[in-house]
Amino acid sequence: MSEIIYQHFIGRGPEAEAIIAEANAKYDAFIEAANAFKQARGYENIWMRGTSVGGPVFKEKLSGKDAKSKGLKMDCYVTEGYGYAPHLGTKLGTELNTALDELSKSSIDRGQFVVKKLDMRHEVYCGRVIGRTVAGFRDGVIVVKVPTGNGDPQNGDMPTPPPWLVPCKESEALAALGR
């Protein structure tokens, strides 16, 4: 049985710091937009589903009438309380859904942002398993984990990393992330 083989890279220096700064700036802009959205609508918090904004969160459960009058329906339980989603059968719910979609467009997955910025996106298939490129950063250091393949020609060639991204052992990559 074959397995997916990964190659690890570490990047330091001005190039890494520029990418990290851009990712953090986009994330901070999303947080500001989310906070403004919460304050404007009187929500206690919002809940996320991946990088999509799911809806508002309230500490106390709303009655069915209160929720519907605000264009909401109960969706999930979250750490901070009760998560609601837009009730698309109401005008307010449809408007809220549109507003949440707009807010979700400014959301960012910083790890995937780094992968796209480096143009290192790669997938490898091995039976029922899919290996994907992942990235992370900490203290001005970028770490990228790329599946190199398992000898299967359908997996294609691994992307070429920029010259400032140097190969390393898995233990070095984990140490750079503080693990």
N, C-alpha and C. Protein backbone atom coordinates (compact mmCIF):
# COMPACT_ATOMS: atom_id res chain seq x y z
N MET A 1 0.85 -1.18 0.00
CA MET A 1 0.00 0.00 0.00
C MET A 1 0.89 1.24 0.00
N SER A 2 0.62 2.14 -0.91
CA SER A 2 1.44 3.35 -0.99
C SER A 2 0.86 4.44 -0.10
N GLU A 3 1.68 5.41 0.19
CA GLU A 3 1.24 6.52 1.03
C GLU A 3 1.69 7.82 0.40
N ILE A 4 1.10 8.89 0.87
CA ILE A 4 1.45 10.21 0.35
C ILE A 4 2.71 10.69 1.06
N ILE A 5 3.63 11.20 0.28
CA ILE A 5 4.89 11.71 0.81
C ILE A 5 4.82 13.24 0.76
N TYR A 6 5.24 13.86 1.84
CA TYR A 6 5.21 15.32 1.92
C TYR A 6 6.62 15.89 1.97
N GLN A 7 6.75 17.10 1.44
CA GLN A 7 8.00 17.83 1.57
C GLN A 7 7.67 19.11 2.33
N HIS A 8 8.56 19.48 3.24
CA HIS A 8 8.35 20.66 4.09
C HIS A 8 9.32 21.76 3.69
N PHE A 9 8.84 23.01 3.79
CA PHE A 9 9.65 24.17 3.46
C PHE A 9 9.50 25.21 4.56
N ILE A 10 10.57 25.96 4.79
CA ILE A 10 10.56 27.09 5.72
C ILE A 10 11.00 28.33 4.96
N GLY A 11 10.30 29.42 5.18
CA GLY A 11 10.65 30.69 4.55
C GLY A 11 10.80 31.78 5.59
N ARG A 12 11.91 32.50 5.50
CA ARG A 12 12.17 33.63 6.41
C ARG A 12 12.59 34.83 5.57
N GLY A 13 12.61 35.97 6.21
CA GLY A 13 13.11 37.16 5.53
C GLY A 13 12.01 38.10 5.09
N PRO A 14 12.39 39.11 4.30
CA PRO A 14 11.42 40.14 3.91
C PRO A 14 10.25 39.62 3.08
N GLU A 15 10.50 38.61 2.24
CA GLU A 15 9.42 38.06 1.43
C GLU A 15 8.36 37.41 2.32
N ALA A 16 8.81 36.63 3.28
CA ALA A 16 7.89 35.97 4.22
C ALA A 16 7.15 37.01 5.05
N GLU A 17 7.86 37.99 5.54
CA GLU A 17 7.23 39.02 6.37
C GLU A 17 6.19 39.82 5.59
N ALA A 18 6.44 40.05 4.30
CA ALA A 18 5.47 40.79 3.47
C ALA A 18 4.18 39.98 3.30
N ILE A 19 4.32 38.68 3.05
CA ILE A 19 3.13 37.83 2.89
C ILE A 19 2.36 37.74 4.21
N ILE A 20 3.08 37.58 5.31
CA ILE A 20 2.44 37.50 6.62
C ILE A 20 1.71 38.81 6.94
N ALA A 21 2.35 39.93 6.65
CA ALA A 21 1.73 41.23 6.91
C ALA A 21 0.45 41.40 6.08
N GLU A 22 0.49 40.97 4.82
CA GLU A 22 -0.69 41.08 3.96
C GLU A 22 -1.83 40.19 4.47
N ALA A 23 -1.50 38.96 4.87
CA ALA A 23 -2.51 38.04 5.41
C ALA A 23 -3.12 38.60 6.69
N ASN A 24 -2.29 39.12 7.57
CA ASN A 24 -2.79 39.69 8.82
C ASN A 24 -3.63 40.94 8.58
N ALA A 25 -3.24 41.76 7.60
CA ALA A 25 -4.01 42.96 7.28
C ALA A 25 -5.40 42.59 6.77
N LYS A 26 -5.48 41.59 5.91
CA LYS A 26 -6.78 41.13 5.41
C LYS A 26 -7.64 40.56 6.54
N TYR A 27 -7.00 39.82 7.44
CA TYR A 27 -7.73 39.25 8.57
C TYR A 27 -8.23 40.36 9.50
N ASP A 28 -7.38 41.34 9.79
CA ASP A 28 -7.78 42.45 10.65
C ASP A 28 -8.93 43.25 10.02
N ALA A 29 -8.89 43.43 8.70
CA ALA A 29 -9.98 44.13 8.01
C ALA A 29 -11.29 43.36 8.15
N PHE A 30 -11.22 42.04 8.06
CA PHE A 30 -12.43 41.23 8.24
C PHE A 30 -12.96 41.36 9.67
N ILE A 31 -12.07 41.31 10.66
CA ILE A 31 -12.50 41.43 12.06
C ILE A 31 -13.18 42.78 12.29
N GLU A 32 -12.61 43.85 11.74
CA GLU A 32 -13.22 45.18 11.86
C GLU A 32 -14.61 45.20 11.23
N ALA A 33 -14.71 44.63 10.02
CA ALA A 33 -16.00 44.60 9.33
C ALA A 33 -17.02 43.77 10.11
N ALA A 34 -16.58 42.65 10.67
CA ALA A 34 -17.47 41.80 11.46
C ALA A 34 -17.94 42.52 12.72
N ASN A 35 -17.04 43.22 13.39
CA ASN A 35 -17.42 43.97 14.60
C ASN A 35 -18.40 45.09 14.26
N ALA A 36 -18.16 45.79 13.16
CA ALA A 36 -19.08 46.85 12.74
C ALA A 36 -20.45 46.26 12.40
N PHE A 37 -20.45 45.11 11.74
CA PHE A 37 -21.70 44.42 11.39
C PHE A 37 -22.48 44.05 12.65
N LYS A 38 -21.78 43.49 13.64
CA LYS A 38 -22.44 43.10 14.90
C LYS A 38 -23.03 44.31 15.60
N GLN A 39 -22.25 45.38 15.70
CA GLN A 39 -22.72 46.57 16.41
C GLN A 39 -23.90 47.21 15.69
N ALA A 40 -23.85 47.29 14.37
CA ALA A 40 -24.92 47.93 13.60
C ALA A 40 -26.24 47.18 13.75
N ARG A 41 -26.17 45.87 13.91
CA ARG A 41 -27.39 45.06 13.99
C ARG A 41 -27.75 44.65 15.42
N GLY A 42 -26.90 44.98 16.39
CA GLY A 42 -27.19 44.66 17.78
C GLY A 42 -27.00 43.20 18.13
N TYR A 43 -26.12 42.51 17.42
CA TYR A 43 -25.85 41.10 17.71
C TYR A 43 -24.75 41.00 18.76
N GLU A 44 -24.83 39.97 19.58
CA GLU A 44 -23.80 39.75 20.60
C GLU A 44 -22.52 39.20 19.98
N ASN A 45 -22.68 38.36 18.96
CA ASN A 45 -21.53 37.77 18.28
C ASN A 45 -22.03 37.19 16.96
N ILE A 46 -21.10 36.67 16.16
CA ILE A 46 -21.47 35.95 14.95
C ILE A 46 -20.75 34.61 14.95
N TRP A 47 -21.30 33.63 14.25
CA TRP A 47 -20.64 32.33 14.17
C TRP A 47 -20.22 32.09 12.73
N MET A 48 -19.15 31.30 12.61
CA MET A 48 -18.56 31.04 11.30
C MET A 48 -18.73 29.56 10.94
N ARG A 49 -18.85 29.31 9.66
CA ARG A 49 -18.84 27.95 9.11
C ARG A 49 -17.72 27.96 8.06
N GLY A 50 -16.53 27.53 8.49
CA GLY A 50 -15.37 27.66 7.61
C GLY A 50 -14.99 29.13 7.50
N THR A 51 -15.00 29.65 6.28
CA THR A 51 -14.74 31.08 6.11
C THR A 51 -16.03 31.84 5.79
N SER A 52 -17.17 31.18 5.91
CA SER A 52 -18.46 31.84 5.68
C SER A 52 -19.07 32.23 7.01
N VAL A 53 -19.67 33.40 7.03
CA VAL A 53 -20.36 33.86 8.24
C VAL A 53 -21.73 33.21 8.26
N GLY A 54 -22.01 32.47 9.33
CA GLY A 54 -23.27 31.73 9.43
C GLY A 54 -24.44 32.58 9.86
N GLY A 55 -24.21 33.46 10.84
CA GLY A 55 -25.29 34.29 11.35
C GLY A 55 -24.97 34.80 12.74
N PRO A 56 -25.95 35.44 13.38
CA PRO A 56 -25.72 36.01 14.70
C PRO A 56 -25.78 34.97 15.82
N VAL A 57 -25.18 35.33 16.95
CA VAL A 57 -25.19 34.49 18.15
C VAL A 57 -25.79 35.33 19.28
N PHE A 58 -26.67 34.70 20.05
CA PHE A 58 -27.24 35.33 21.24
C PHE A 58 -27.02 34.41 22.43
N LYS A 59 -26.72 35.00 23.59
CA LYS A 59 -26.50 34.19 24.80
C LYS A 59 -27.78 33.50 25.24
N GLU A 60 -28.88 34.20 25.13
CA GLU A 60 -30.18 33.65 25.51
C GLU A 60 -30.92 33.20 24.25
N LYS A 61 -31.62 32.11 24.37
CA LYS A 61 -32.38 31.59 23.23
C LYS A 61 -33.57 32.50 22.95
N LEU A 62 -33.76 32.88 21.68
CA LEU A 62 -34.89 33.71 21.29
C LEU A 62 -36.13 32.83 21.15
N SER A 63 -37.28 33.42 21.46
CA SER A 63 -38.52 32.67 21.23
C SER A 63 -38.74 32.59 19.72
N GLY A 64 -39.58 31.68 19.30
CA GLY A 64 -39.85 31.51 17.87
C GLY A 64 -40.33 32.78 17.21
N LYS A 65 -41.21 33.52 17.91
CA LYS A 65 -41.74 34.77 17.35
C LYS A 65 -40.65 35.84 17.26
N ASP A 66 -39.83 35.96 18.32
CA ASP A 66 -38.75 36.94 18.30
C ASP A 66 -37.77 36.66 17.17
N ALA A 67 -37.41 35.40 17.02
CA ALA A 67 -36.46 35.02 15.97
C ALA A 67 -37.04 35.35 14.60
N LYS A 68 -38.29 34.96 14.37
CA LYS A 68 -38.89 35.18 13.06
C LYS A 68 -39.07 36.67 12.78
N SER A 69 -39.38 37.46 13.82
CA SER A 69 -39.54 38.90 13.62
C SER A 69 -38.23 39.57 13.23
N LYS A 70 -37.11 38.93 13.59
CA LYS A 70 -35.79 39.45 13.21
C LYS A 70 -35.25 38.78 11.95
N GLY A 71 -36.06 37.91 11.33
CA GLY A 71 -35.64 37.22 10.12
C GLY A 71 -34.65 36.10 10.38
N LEU A 72 -34.77 35.46 11.57
CA LEU A 72 -33.80 34.43 11.97
C LEU A 72 -34.49 33.10 12.25
N LYS A 73 -33.70 32.04 12.20
CA LYS A 73 -34.15 30.73 12.64
C LYS A 73 -33.00 30.07 13.38
N MET A 74 -33.34 29.30 14.41
CA MET A 74 -32.33 28.60 15.21
C MET A 74 -31.56 27.63 14.31
N ASP A 75 -30.23 27.65 14.41
CA ASP A 75 -29.42 26.78 13.56
C ASP A 75 -28.52 25.85 14.34
N CYS A 76 -27.79 26.39 15.33
CA CYS A 76 -26.82 25.55 16.03
C CYS A 76 -26.53 26.11 17.43
N TYR A 77 -25.90 25.27 18.22
CA TYR A 77 -25.42 25.69 19.54
C TYR A 77 -23.93 25.99 19.39
N VAL A 78 -23.51 27.12 19.92
CA VAL A 78 -22.09 27.48 19.88
C VAL A 78 -21.64 27.78 21.31
N THR A 79 -20.36 27.92 21.49
CA THR A 79 -19.80 28.14 22.82
C THR A 79 -20.42 29.35 23.51
N GLU A 80 -20.66 30.41 22.75
CA GLU A 80 -21.17 31.65 23.34
C GLU A 80 -22.68 31.66 23.52
N GLY A 81 -23.39 30.65 23.02
CA GLY A 81 -24.84 30.64 23.15
C GLY A 81 -25.52 29.92 22.00
N TYR A 82 -26.48 30.61 21.38
CA TYR A 82 -27.30 30.02 20.33
C TYR A 82 -27.02 30.71 19.00
N GLY A 83 -26.70 29.91 17.99
CA GLY A 83 -26.41 30.45 16.66
C GLY A 83 -27.66 30.43 15.79
N TYR A 84 -27.90 31.53 15.13
CA TYR A 84 -29.07 31.66 14.26
C TYR A 84 -28.62 31.88 12.83
N ALA A 85 -29.44 31.43 11.90
CA ALA A 85 -29.21 31.62 10.48
C ALA A 85 -30.36 32.45 9.92
N PRO A 86 -30.17 33.06 8.76
CA PRO A 86 -31.26 33.82 8.16
C PRO A 86 -32.45 32.92 7.82
N HIS A 87 -33.63 33.39 8.12
CA HIS A 87 -34.86 32.68 7.74
C HIS A 87 -35.23 33.21 6.35
N LEU A 88 -34.95 32.42 5.32
CA LEU A 88 -35.10 32.89 3.95
C LEU A 88 -36.55 33.04 3.52
N GLY A 89 -37.48 32.62 4.35
CA GLY A 89 -38.90 32.79 4.04
C GLY A 89 -39.42 34.17 4.42
N THR A 90 -38.55 35.00 4.99
CA THR A 90 -38.95 36.36 5.37
C THR A 90 -38.09 37.38 4.64
N LYS A 91 -38.63 38.58 4.51
CA LYS A 91 -37.89 39.65 3.82
C LYS A 91 -36.63 40.00 4.61
N LEU A 92 -36.75 40.13 5.94
CA LEU A 92 -35.58 40.45 6.76
C LEU A 92 -34.52 39.36 6.66
N GLY A 93 -34.95 38.11 6.62
CA GLY A 93 -34.01 37.00 6.51
C GLY A 93 -33.26 37.01 5.19
N THR A 94 -33.95 37.34 4.12
CA THR A 94 -33.31 37.41 2.80
C THR A 94 -32.30 38.56 2.77
N GLU A 95 -32.67 39.70 3.35
CA GLU A 95 -31.75 40.84 3.42
C GLU A 95 -30.53 40.49 4.27
N LEU A 96 -30.76 39.81 5.40
CA LEU A 96 -29.66 39.40 6.26
C LEU A 96 -28.74 38.42 5.53
N ASN A 97 -29.31 37.50 4.78
CA ASN A 97 -28.51 36.53 4.02
C ASN A 97 -27.60 37.25 3.03
N THR A 98 -28.12 38.26 2.35
CA THR A 98 -27.31 39.04 1.41
C THR A 98 -26.19 39.76 2.14
N ALA A 99 -26.50 40.34 3.30
CA ALA A 99 -25.48 41.05 4.08
C ALA A 99 -24.41 40.08 4.59
N LEU A 100 -24.82 38.89 5.02
CA LEU A 100 -23.84 37.89 5.48
C LEU A 100 -22.95 37.42 4.34
N ASP A 101 -23.52 37.26 3.15
CA ASP A 101 -22.72 36.87 1.99
C ASP A 101 -21.67 37.93 1.68
N GLU A 102 -22.06 39.20 1.77
CA GLU A 102 -21.10 40.29 1.54
C GLU A 102 -19.98 40.27 2.58
N LEU A 103 -20.36 40.06 3.84
CA LEU A 103 -19.36 40.00 4.91
C LEU A 103 -18.44 38.80 4.71
N SER A 104 -18.99 37.68 4.27
CA SER A 104 -18.19 36.46 4.05
C SER A 104 -17.14 36.66 2.96
N LYS A 105 -17.42 37.53 2.01
CA LYS A 105 -16.45 37.78 0.92
C LYS A 105 -15.15 38.38 1.45
N SER A 106 -15.22 39.09 2.58
CA SER A 106 -14.01 39.69 3.15
C SER A 106 -13.30 38.75 4.12
N SER A 107 -13.90 37.58 4.38
CA SER A 107 -13.29 36.60 5.28
C SER A 107 -12.06 35.97 4.63
N ILE A 108 -11.14 35.47 5.46
CA ILE A 108 -9.90 34.92 4.92
C ILE A 108 -9.44 33.72 5.75
N ASP A 109 -8.96 32.71 5.06
CA ASP A 109 -8.24 31.60 5.68
C ASP A 109 -6.77 31.92 5.44
N ARG A 110 -6.08 32.34 6.49
CA ARG A 110 -4.70 32.82 6.31
C ARG A 110 -3.77 31.75 5.77
N GLY A 111 -3.95 30.50 6.15
CA GLY A 111 -3.11 29.43 5.63
C GLY A 111 -3.28 29.25 4.13
N GLN A 112 -4.53 29.23 3.67
CA GLN A 112 -4.78 29.09 2.24
C GLN A 112 -4.37 30.34 1.48
N PHE A 113 -4.44 31.50 2.12
CA PHE A 113 -3.97 32.73 1.49
C PHE A 113 -2.47 32.61 1.18
N VAL A 114 -1.71 32.09 2.14
CA VAL A 114 -0.26 31.91 1.94
C VAL A 114 -0.01 30.93 0.80
N VAL A 115 -0.75 29.82 0.77
CA VAL A 115 -0.57 28.82 -0.30
C VAL A 115 -0.83 29.46 -1.66
N LYS A 116 -1.91 30.23 -1.78
CA LYS A 116 -2.22 30.88 -3.06
C LYS A 116 -1.18 31.92 -3.43
N LYS A 117 -0.74 32.68 -2.45
CA LYS A 117 0.25 33.73 -2.70
C LYS A 117 1.56 33.13 -3.20
N LEU A 118 1.94 31.99 -2.66
CA LEU A 118 3.18 31.32 -3.07
C LEU A 118 2.99 30.50 -4.34
N ASP A 119 1.76 30.34 -4.79
CA ASP A 119 1.43 29.52 -5.95
C ASP A 119 1.96 28.09 -5.76
N MET A 120 1.69 27.54 -4.57
CA MET A 120 2.18 26.20 -4.21
C MET A 120 1.03 25.21 -4.04
N ARG A 121 -0.13 25.54 -4.57
CA ARG A 121 -1.29 24.66 -4.42
C ARG A 121 -1.04 23.35 -5.17
N HIS A 122 -1.26 22.22 -4.49
CA HIS A 122 -1.04 20.92 -5.11
C HIS A 122 -1.87 19.88 -4.38
N GLU A 123 -2.44 18.96 -5.13
CA GLU A 123 -3.20 17.85 -4.55
C GLU A 123 -2.64 16.55 -5.07
N VAL A 124 -2.60 15.55 -4.21
CA VAL A 124 -2.12 14.23 -4.56
C VAL A 124 -3.17 13.22 -4.12
N TYR A 125 -3.47 12.29 -5.00
CA TYR A 125 -4.48 11.27 -4.71
C TYR A 125 -3.79 9.93 -4.49
N CYS A 126 -4.21 9.25 -3.44
CA CYS A 126 -3.64 7.94 -3.11
C CYS A 126 -4.78 7.07 -2.57
N GLY A 127 -5.40 6.32 -3.46
CA GLY A 127 -6.56 5.55 -3.05
C GLY A 127 -7.70 6.47 -2.67
N ARG A 128 -8.16 6.37 -1.44
CA ARG A 128 -9.25 7.23 -0.97
C ARG A 128 -8.74 8.46 -0.22
N VAL A 129 -7.46 8.64 -0.19
CA VAL A 129 -6.86 9.74 0.57
C VAL A 129 -6.42 10.85 -0.40
N ILE A 130 -6.66 12.09 0.01
CA ILE A 130 -6.20 13.24 -0.78
C ILE A 130 -5.24 14.04 0.08
N GLY A 131 -4.06 14.30 -0.45
CA GLY A 131 -3.08 15.15 0.24
C GLY A 131 -3.11 16.53 -0.38
N ARG A 132 -3.20 17.57 0.43
CA ARG A 132 -3.25 18.95 -0.07
C ARG A 132 -2.16 19.78 0.57
N THR A 133 -1.75 20.82 -0.13
CA THR A 133 -0.78 21.75 0.40
C THR A 133 -1.40 22.54 1.54
N VAL A 134 -0.67 22.65 2.64
CA VAL A 134 -1.09 23.48 3.76
C VAL A 134 0.06 24.39 4.15
N ALA A 135 -0.27 25.51 4.77
CA ALA A 135 0.76 26.45 5.19
C ALA A 135 0.35 27.10 6.49
N GLY A 136 1.32 27.60 7.20
CA GLY A 136 1.09 28.32 8.44
C GLY A 136 2.24 29.27 8.67
N PHE A 137 2.08 30.16 9.63
CA PHE A 137 3.17 31.07 9.94
C PHE A 137 3.14 31.45 11.40
N ARG A 138 4.32 31.85 11.87
CA ARG A 138 4.47 32.29 13.25
C ARG A 138 5.79 33.05 13.36
N ASP A 139 5.77 34.17 14.05
CA ASP A 139 6.97 34.96 14.33
C ASP A 139 7.81 35.22 13.08
N GLY A 140 7.19 35.61 11.98
CA GLY A 140 7.92 35.96 10.77
C GLY A 140 8.44 34.78 9.96
N VAL A 141 7.99 33.57 10.29
CA VAL A 141 8.44 32.36 9.58
C VAL A 141 7.22 31.70 8.93
N ILE A 142 7.35 31.38 7.64
CA ILE A 142 6.30 30.65 6.93
C ILE A 142 6.72 29.20 6.80
N VAL A 143 5.80 28.29 7.08
CA VAL A 143 6.05 26.86 6.92
C VAL A 143 5.01 26.32 5.94
N VAL A 144 5.49 25.56 4.94
CA VAL A 144 4.60 24.99 3.93
C VAL A 144 4.83 23.49 3.87
N LYS A 145 3.74 22.74 3.80
CA LYS A 145 3.79 21.27 3.68
C LYS A 145 3.12 20.90 2.36
N VAL A 146 3.91 20.35 1.42
CA VAL A 146 3.43 20.07 0.07
C VAL A 146 3.47 18.57 -0.19
N PRO A 147 2.36 17.98 -0.67
CA PRO A 147 2.41 16.57 -1.05
C PRO A 147 3.21 16.44 -2.35
N THR A 148 4.20 15.57 -2.35
CA THR A 148 5.06 15.44 -3.53
C THR A 148 4.61 14.32 -4.44
N GLY A 149 3.69 13.51 -3.98
CA GLY A 149 3.22 12.41 -4.80
C GLY A 149 3.68 11.09 -4.25
N ASN A 150 3.24 10.05 -4.91
CA ASN A 150 3.58 8.71 -4.50
C ASN A 150 4.01 7.87 -5.70
N GLY A 151 4.51 8.54 -6.73
CA GLY A 151 4.95 7.86 -7.93
C GLY A 151 3.86 7.70 -8.97
N ASP A 152 2.62 8.08 -8.64
CA ASP A 152 1.51 7.96 -9.58
C ASP A 152 1.55 9.14 -10.55
N PRO A 153 1.60 8.90 -11.87
CA PRO A 153 1.69 10.00 -12.83
C PRO A 153 0.46 10.91 -12.84
N GLN A 154 -0.71 10.43 -12.38
CA GLN A 154 -1.91 11.28 -12.38
C GLN A 154 -1.78 12.45 -11.42
N ASN A 155 -0.86 12.36 -10.46
CA ASN A 155 -0.72 13.41 -9.46
C ASN A 155 0.04 14.63 -9.95
N GLY A 156 0.68 14.53 -11.09
CA GLY A 156 1.37 15.68 -11.66
C GLY A 156 2.63 16.03 -10.91
N ASP A 157 3.23 17.13 -11.34
CA ASP A 157 4.48 17.58 -10.74
C ASP A 157 4.21 18.50 -9.56
N MET A 158 5.10 18.43 -8.59
CA MET A 158 5.01 19.32 -7.45
C MET A 158 5.34 20.74 -7.90
N PRO A 159 4.64 21.75 -7.38
CA PRO A 159 4.96 23.13 -7.76
C PRO A 159 6.36 23.52 -7.33
N THR A 160 6.95 24.44 -8.06
CA THR A 160 8.30 24.91 -7.75
C THR A 160 8.21 26.02 -6.70
N PRO A 161 8.87 25.84 -5.57
CA PRO A 161 8.81 26.88 -4.53
C PRO A 161 9.69 28.07 -4.91
N PRO A 162 9.38 29.25 -4.38
CA PRO A 162 10.27 30.39 -4.61
C PRO A 162 11.63 30.12 -3.97
N PRO A 163 12.69 30.78 -4.44
CA PRO A 163 14.04 30.48 -3.94
C PRO A 163 14.24 30.74 -2.45
N TRP A 164 13.48 31.64 -1.86
CA TRP A 164 13.66 31.95 -0.44
C TRP A 164 12.97 30.92 0.47
N LEU A 165 12.21 30.00 -0.10
CA LEU A 165 11.56 28.93 0.64
C LEU A 165 12.46 27.70 0.56
N VAL A 166 13.08 27.34 1.67
CA VAL A 166 14.08 26.26 1.66
C VAL A 166 13.50 24.96 2.21
N PRO A 167 13.89 23.82 1.62
CA PRO A 167 13.42 22.53 2.12
C PRO A 167 13.96 22.27 3.53
N CYS A 168 13.19 21.55 4.32
CA CYS A 168 13.60 21.22 5.68
C CYS A 168 12.97 19.90 6.09
N LYS A 169 13.36 19.40 7.24
CA LYS A 169 12.76 18.19 7.80
C LYS A 169 11.45 18.57 8.48
N GLU A 170 10.59 17.57 8.66
CA GLU A 170 9.31 17.82 9.32
C GLU A 170 9.52 18.35 10.73
N SER A 171 10.51 17.83 11.44
CA SER A 171 10.77 18.27 12.81
C SER A 171 11.17 19.74 12.85
N GLU A 172 11.94 20.19 11.85
CA GLU A 172 12.32 21.61 11.79
C GLU A 172 11.10 22.49 11.52
N ALA A 173 10.21 22.01 10.65
CA ALA A 173 9.00 22.77 10.34
C ALA A 173 8.12 22.90 11.58
N LEU A 174 7.96 21.80 12.31
CA LEU A 174 7.16 21.85 13.54
C LEU A 174 7.80 22.73 14.59
N ALA A 175 9.11 22.68 14.70
CA ALA A 175 9.82 23.53 15.67
C ALA A 175 9.64 25.01 15.33
N ALA A 176 9.64 25.33 14.03
CA ALA A 176 9.46 26.73 13.62
C ALA A 176 8.07 27.24 13.99
N LEU A 177 7.09 26.32 14.06
CA LEU A 177 5.74 26.71 14.46
C LEU A 177 5.52 26.61 15.96
N GLY A 178 6.57 26.24 16.70
CA GLY A 178 6.48 26.17 18.15
C GLY A 178 5.82 24.92 18.68
N ARG A 179 5.94 23.83 17.96
CA ARG A 179 5.30 22.57 18.41
C ARG A 179 6.33 21.56 18.81
